[in-house]
Amino acid sequence: MGQFSYQGAAVRTGEINVFGRWAPSHPKLKNLTVFAMAGPGWSYKNSNKTPILVDGHSQLSHSLSGEFIAEYRFKLF
């Protein structure tokens, strides 16, 4: 989470995520790891990266994001 001031108005941005990691116990999949993450976020509405103020207050823009990573470690040596 972050905050800065623009023309005297507090402008906030941030996100909250839930994440998990799974590593299978099967011997054939022992080098596999799966990561997943998702959560809501918020930033400020802007015009050319400049915050938009209405009555001296910044306007929020909500988002929802997710990420999925599958990692497999190969034995090269």
N, C-alpha and C. Protein backbone atom coordinates (compact mmCIF):
# COMPACT_ATOMS: atom_id res chain seq x y z
N MET A 1 0.84 -1.17 0.00
CA MET A 1 0.00 0.00 0.00
C MET A 1 0.89 1.23 0.00
N GLY A 2 0.44 2.24 -0.68
CA GLY A 2 1.21 3.46 -0.76
C GLY A 2 0.29 4.67 -0.77
N GLN A 3 0.89 5.80 -0.47
CA GLN A 3 0.13 7.04 -0.44
C GLN A 3 1.06 8.18 -0.78
N PHE A 4 0.55 9.15 -1.53
CA PHE A 4 1.29 10.38 -1.77
C PHE A 4 0.30 11.52 -1.82
N SER A 5 0.81 12.73 -1.78
CA SER A 5 -0.04 13.91 -1.78
C SER A 5 0.04 14.60 -3.15
N TYR A 6 -1.10 14.95 -3.70
CA TYR A 6 -1.16 15.68 -4.96
C TYR A 6 -2.10 16.86 -4.77
N GLN A 7 -1.60 18.05 -4.89
CA GLN A 7 -2.36 19.28 -4.69
C GLN A 7 -3.13 19.25 -3.37
N GLY A 8 -2.50 18.74 -2.33
CA GLY A 8 -3.09 18.70 -1.00
C GLY A 8 -4.03 17.54 -0.74
N ALA A 9 -4.26 16.70 -1.73
CA ALA A 9 -5.17 15.55 -1.56
C ALA A 9 -4.35 14.28 -1.39
N ALA A 10 -4.78 13.43 -0.47
CA ALA A 10 -4.12 12.13 -0.28
C ALA A 10 -4.54 11.20 -1.41
N VAL A 11 -3.55 10.63 -2.09
CA VAL A 11 -3.80 9.70 -3.19
C VAL A 11 -3.27 8.34 -2.75
N ARG A 12 -4.14 7.34 -2.72
CA ARG A 12 -3.77 6.02 -2.21
C ARG A 12 -3.81 4.98 -3.31
N THR A 13 -2.93 3.99 -3.16
CA THR A 13 -2.89 2.86 -4.08
C THR A 13 -2.44 1.64 -3.29
N GLY A 14 -2.90 0.46 -3.69
CA GLY A 14 -2.48 -0.74 -2.97
C GLY A 14 -3.21 -1.98 -3.46
N GLU A 15 -2.87 -3.09 -2.84
CA GLU A 15 -3.54 -4.35 -3.15
C GLU A 15 -3.41 -5.30 -1.97
N ILE A 16 -4.32 -6.24 -1.89
CA ILE A 16 -4.31 -7.29 -0.87
C ILE A 16 -4.41 -8.61 -1.62
N ASN A 17 -3.51 -9.53 -1.34
CA ASN A 17 -3.48 -10.80 -2.07
C ASN A 17 -3.52 -11.99 -1.13
N VAL A 18 -4.11 -13.06 -1.61
CA VAL A 18 -4.06 -14.36 -0.96
C VAL A 18 -3.26 -15.25 -1.89
N PHE A 19 -2.32 -15.98 -1.33
CA PHE A 19 -1.50 -16.82 -2.20
C PHE A 19 -1.31 -18.20 -1.59
N GLY A 20 -0.98 -19.14 -2.44
CA GLY A 20 -0.75 -20.51 -2.00
C GLY A 20 0.33 -21.17 -2.83
N ARG A 21 0.91 -22.20 -2.27
CA ARG A 21 1.97 -22.97 -2.93
C ARG A 21 1.63 -24.44 -2.77
N TRP A 22 1.79 -25.21 -3.83
CA TRP A 22 1.50 -26.63 -3.79
C TRP A 22 2.65 -27.38 -4.44
N ALA A 23 3.16 -28.39 -3.75
CA ALA A 23 4.21 -29.27 -4.28
C ALA A 23 3.70 -30.70 -4.15
N PRO A 24 3.44 -31.39 -5.27
CA PRO A 24 2.89 -32.74 -5.21
C PRO A 24 3.85 -33.72 -4.53
N SER A 25 3.31 -34.72 -3.88
CA SER A 25 4.14 -35.70 -3.17
C SER A 25 4.48 -36.91 -4.04
N HIS A 26 3.85 -37.03 -5.20
CA HIS A 26 4.13 -38.16 -6.09
C HIS A 26 5.58 -38.09 -6.59
N PRO A 27 6.33 -39.19 -6.54
CA PRO A 27 7.74 -39.18 -6.95
C PRO A 27 7.99 -38.67 -8.37
N LYS A 28 7.08 -38.94 -9.30
CA LYS A 28 7.29 -38.47 -10.68
C LYS A 28 7.11 -36.96 -10.82
N LEU A 29 6.46 -36.34 -9.85
CA LEU A 29 6.23 -34.89 -9.91
C LEU A 29 7.00 -34.14 -8.83
N LYS A 30 8.05 -34.76 -8.29
CA LYS A 30 8.75 -34.16 -7.15
C LYS A 30 9.42 -32.82 -7.47
N ASN A 31 9.69 -32.54 -8.74
CA ASN A 31 10.34 -31.28 -9.11
C ASN A 31 9.35 -30.19 -9.53
N LEU A 32 8.06 -30.45 -9.37
CA LEU A 32 7.02 -29.50 -9.75
C LEU A 32 6.56 -28.70 -8.54
N THR A 33 6.41 -27.40 -8.71
CA THR A 33 5.83 -26.53 -7.70
C THR A 33 4.85 -25.61 -8.40
N VAL A 34 3.68 -25.41 -7.79
CA VAL A 34 2.65 -24.55 -8.36
C VAL A 34 2.34 -23.44 -7.36
N PHE A 35 2.35 -22.20 -7.85
CA PHE A 35 2.02 -21.04 -7.04
C PHE A 35 0.77 -20.38 -7.63
N ALA A 36 -0.11 -19.89 -6.78
CA ALA A 36 -1.29 -19.15 -7.24
C ALA A 36 -1.53 -17.97 -6.31
N MET A 37 -1.96 -16.85 -6.89
CA MET A 37 -2.19 -15.65 -6.10
C MET A 37 -3.36 -14.89 -6.73
N ALA A 38 -4.22 -14.31 -5.88
CA ALA A 38 -5.34 -13.51 -6.37
C ALA A 38 -5.76 -12.52 -5.29
N GLY A 39 -6.34 -11.42 -5.73
CA GLY A 39 -6.84 -10.46 -4.76
C GLY A 39 -7.25 -9.15 -5.38
N PRO A 40 -7.94 -8.33 -4.58
CA PRO A 40 -8.39 -7.02 -5.05
C PRO A 40 -7.29 -5.96 -4.90
N GLY A 41 -7.42 -4.92 -5.69
CA GLY A 41 -6.48 -3.80 -5.61
C GLY A 41 -7.21 -2.51 -5.89
N TRP A 42 -6.53 -1.41 -5.65
CA TRP A 42 -7.11 -0.12 -5.95
C TRP A 42 -5.99 0.85 -6.29
N SER A 43 -6.32 1.79 -7.13
CA SER A 43 -5.40 2.82 -7.53
C SER A 43 -6.21 4.09 -7.72
N TYR A 44 -5.61 5.11 -8.27
CA TYR A 44 -6.33 6.36 -8.47
C TYR A 44 -6.67 6.52 -9.95
N LYS A 45 -7.83 7.10 -10.21
CA LYS A 45 -8.19 7.43 -11.58
C LYS A 45 -7.26 8.54 -12.03
N ASN A 46 -6.81 8.46 -13.30
CA ASN A 46 -5.83 9.43 -13.76
C ASN A 46 -6.05 9.81 -15.21
N SER A 47 -5.41 10.89 -15.58
CA SER A 47 -5.36 11.35 -16.96
C SER A 47 -3.89 11.60 -17.27
N ASN A 48 -3.30 10.76 -18.13
CA ASN A 48 -1.86 10.85 -18.43
C ASN A 48 -1.02 10.75 -17.16
N LYS A 49 -1.37 9.81 -16.28
CA LYS A 49 -0.67 9.52 -15.02
C LYS A 49 -0.83 10.61 -13.97
N THR A 50 -1.69 11.59 -14.21
CA THR A 50 -1.95 12.65 -13.25
C THR A 50 -3.28 12.35 -12.56
N PRO A 51 -3.30 12.33 -11.21
CA PRO A 51 -4.55 12.02 -10.50
C PRO A 51 -5.69 12.97 -10.86
N ILE A 52 -6.89 12.42 -10.99
CA ILE A 52 -8.09 13.22 -11.23
C ILE A 52 -8.71 13.54 -9.87
N LEU A 53 -8.90 14.82 -9.59
CA LEU A 53 -9.50 15.25 -8.33
C LEU A 53 -10.91 15.76 -8.58
N VAL A 54 -11.83 15.39 -7.69
CA VAL A 54 -13.20 15.88 -7.71
C VAL A 54 -13.48 16.46 -6.34
N ASP A 55 -13.79 17.74 -6.29
CA ASP A 55 -14.01 18.45 -5.02
C ASP A 55 -12.82 18.28 -4.08
N GLY A 56 -11.61 18.26 -4.63
CA GLY A 56 -10.39 18.17 -3.82
C GLY A 56 -10.03 16.78 -3.35
N HIS A 57 -10.75 15.75 -3.82
CA HIS A 57 -10.47 14.37 -3.40
C HIS A 57 -10.13 13.52 -4.62
N SER A 58 -9.17 12.61 -4.43
CA SER A 58 -8.82 11.69 -5.52
C SER A 58 -9.92 10.65 -5.69
N GLN A 59 -10.04 10.13 -6.88
CA GLN A 59 -11.05 9.13 -7.20
C GLN A 59 -10.40 7.76 -7.29
N LEU A 60 -11.03 6.75 -6.70
CA LEU A 60 -10.47 5.40 -6.70
C LEU A 60 -10.90 4.61 -7.93
N SER A 61 -10.02 3.72 -8.34
CA SER A 61 -10.29 2.78 -9.42
C SER A 61 -9.97 1.40 -8.88
N HIS A 62 -10.95 0.50 -8.85
CA HIS A 62 -10.78 -0.83 -8.27
C HIS A 62 -10.35 -1.84 -9.33
N SER A 63 -9.63 -2.87 -8.88
CA SER A 63 -9.18 -3.92 -9.81
C SER A 63 -9.19 -5.27 -9.09
N LEU A 64 -9.10 -6.31 -9.88
CA LEU A 64 -8.99 -7.67 -9.36
C LEU A 64 -7.91 -8.35 -10.20
N SER A 65 -6.93 -8.95 -9.53
CA SER A 65 -5.82 -9.56 -10.28
C SER A 65 -5.59 -10.99 -9.82
N GLY A 66 -4.91 -11.72 -10.66
CA GLY A 66 -4.55 -13.10 -10.35
C GLY A 66 -3.26 -13.47 -11.05
N GLU A 67 -2.57 -14.43 -10.47
CA GLU A 67 -1.31 -14.89 -11.05
C GLU A 67 -1.18 -16.38 -10.79
N PHE A 68 -0.67 -17.10 -11.77
CA PHE A 68 -0.48 -18.54 -11.66
C PHE A 68 0.91 -18.85 -12.21
N ILE A 69 1.70 -19.59 -11.44
CA ILE A 69 3.06 -19.96 -11.86
C ILE A 69 3.24 -21.45 -11.65
N ALA A 70 3.66 -22.14 -12.68
CA ALA A 70 4.03 -23.55 -12.58
C ALA A 70 5.53 -23.63 -12.83
N GLU A 71 6.25 -24.18 -11.87
CA GLU A 71 7.71 -24.25 -11.96
C GLU A 71 8.14 -25.71 -11.93
N TYR A 72 9.00 -26.08 -12.85
CA TYR A 72 9.55 -27.43 -12.87
C TYR A 72 11.06 -27.33 -12.92
N ARG A 73 11.73 -27.98 -11.99
CA ARG A 73 13.19 -27.94 -11.91
C ARG A 73 13.76 -29.17 -12.61
N PHE A 74 14.55 -28.92 -13.65
CA PHE A 74 15.21 -29.99 -14.39
C PHE A 74 16.58 -30.25 -13.79
N LYS A 75 16.98 -31.50 -13.72
CA LYS A 75 18.33 -31.85 -13.28
C LYS A 75 19.23 -31.82 -14.51
N LEU A 76 20.09 -30.82 -14.59
CA LEU A 76 20.98 -30.69 -15.73
C LEU A 76 22.34 -31.33 -15.48
N PHE A 77 22.75 -31.37 -14.24
CA PHE A 77 24.08 -31.93 -13.92
C PHE A 77 23.97 -32.97 -12.83
